[in-house]
Protein backbone atom coordinates (compact mmCIF):
# COMPACT_ATOMS: atom_id res chain seq x y z
CA UNK A 1 4.02 11.60 -5.02
CA UNK A 2 4.59 10.52 -8.61
CA UNK A 3 2.48 11.96 -11.42
CA UNK A 4 0.92 9.39 -13.74
CA UNK A 5 -1.16 9.72 -16.88
CA UNK A 6 -4.26 7.76 -17.81
CA UNK A 7 -3.20 4.38 -19.19
CA UNK A 8 0.28 4.41 -17.61
CA UNK A 9 1.41 1.05 -16.27
CA UNK A 10 3.60 1.39 -13.18
CA UNK A 11 5.53 -1.46 -11.58
CA UNK A 12 5.89 -0.98 -7.84
CA UNK A 13 8.44 -3.33 -6.33
CA UNK A 14 10.07 -3.56 -2.90
CA UNK A 15 12.59 -5.84 -1.25
CA UNK A 16 11.42 -8.50 1.19
CA UNK A 17 14.94 -8.62 2.64
CA UNK A 18 14.49 -5.49 4.76
CA UNK A 19 12.79 -6.11 8.13
CA UNK A 20 11.05 -3.68 10.49
CA UNK A 21 8.42 -3.66 13.17
CA UNK A 22 5.36 -1.45 13.39
CA UNK A 23 5.05 -1.75 17.16
CA UNK A 24 8.02 -1.46 19.48
CA UNK A 25 8.94 -4.98 20.54
CA UNK A 26 6.59 -6.46 17.92
CA UNK A 27 7.52 -9.07 15.35
CA UNK A 28 9.94 -8.23 12.56
CA UNK A 29 8.05 -8.11 9.27
CA UNK A 30 8.75 -7.17 5.66
CA UNK A 31 6.75 -5.27 3.00
CA UNK A 32 4.19 -8.08 2.80
CA UNK A 33 2.99 -7.08 6.28
CA UNK A 34 2.13 -9.09 9.36
CA UNK A 35 0.07 -12.10 8.22
CA UNK A 36 -1.36 -12.38 11.75
CA UNK A 37 -2.91 -8.89 11.50
CA UNK A 38 -5.41 -8.60 8.68
CA UNK A 39 -6.76 -5.05 8.35
CA UNK A 40 -9.74 -6.08 6.23
CA UNK A 41 -12.75 -4.07 7.41
CA UNK A 42 -10.74 -2.00 9.93
CA UNK A 43 -11.56 1.63 9.15
CA UNK A 44 -8.59 3.02 11.12
CA UNK A 45 -6.17 1.58 8.52
CA UNK A 46 -5.79 3.19 5.09
CA UNK A 47 -5.85 -0.21 3.36
CA UNK A 48 -8.80 -2.12 4.77
CA UNK A 49 -9.74 -4.36 1.86
CA UNK A 50 -9.39 -8.12 1.71
CA UNK A 51 -5.68 -8.90 1.31
CA UNK A 52 -4.50 -5.92 3.39
CA UNK A 53 -2.26 -6.47 6.44
CA UNK A 54 -0.75 -4.27 9.12
CA UNK A 55 2.71 -3.06 8.09
CA UNK A 56 2.21 -3.93 4.41
CA UNK A 57 3.47 -1.70 1.61
CA UNK A 58 0.47 -0.01 -0.05
CA UNK A 59 -0.13 2.50 -2.82
CA UNK A 60 -2.57 5.41 -2.81
CA UNK A 61 -3.81 6.74 -6.15
CA UNK A 62 -5.49 10.14 -6.25
CA UNK A 63 -7.05 10.93 -9.60
CA UNK A 64 -7.61 14.41 -11.02
CA UNK A 65 -11.29 13.80 -10.24
CA UNK A 66 -10.35 13.79 -6.54
CA UNK A 67 -11.25 10.13 -6.04
CA UNK A 68 -8.70 8.21 -3.96
CA UNK A 69 -8.06 4.47 -4.17
CA UNK A 70 -5.74 2.42 -2.00
CA UNK A 71 -4.31 -0.96 -3.00
CA UNK A 72 -2.07 -3.50 -1.26
CA UNK A 73 1.36 -3.86 -2.89
CA UNK A 74 3.43 -6.17 -0.70
CA UNK A 75 6.53 -7.13 -2.67
CA UNK A 76 5.19 -6.14 -6.10
CA UNK A 77 2.17 -4.79 -7.97
CA UNK A 78 1.53 -3.55 -11.48
CA UNK A 79 -0.72 -0.49 -11.33
CA UNK A 80 -2.67 0.73 -14.37
CA UNK A 81 -3.72 4.37 -14.02
CA UNK A 82 -7.46 4.78 -14.71
CA UNK A 83 -7.04 8.56 -15.12
CA UNK A 84 -4.38 11.26 -14.70
CA UNK A 85 -3.31 11.55 -11.08
CA UNK A 86 -0.69 10.90 -8.42
CA UNK A 87 0.70 7.74 -6.84
CA UNK A 88 2.07 7.58 -3.30
CA UNK A 89 3.51 4.56 -1.53
CA UNK A 90 3.26 4.12 2.21
CA UNK A 91 3.09 1.53 4.97
CA UNK A 92 -0.33 0.35 6.10
CA UNK A 93 -0.49 1.48 9.71
CA UNK A 94 -2.52 3.76 11.97
CA UNK A 95 0.13 6.42 12.66
């Protein structure tokens, strides 16, 4: 985790050149996720908002208040911290 202060602007960027699969024998994907597997509304995935996909790079923000928010990143996102807290990046999957 990375500590951030209220008002900090953090650029999260990842390479789309690296490929991986989230299921053995599944399609090779990059940090933008598998466009054939939307996770919108699927409660077993951490990122289940519109625009979230299986295997996508996501960011979790946990504020000092204890409230957690998860956002899709894909190849890049600018995050503006609404309060002091911690940022963690991860892959959107169910493991």
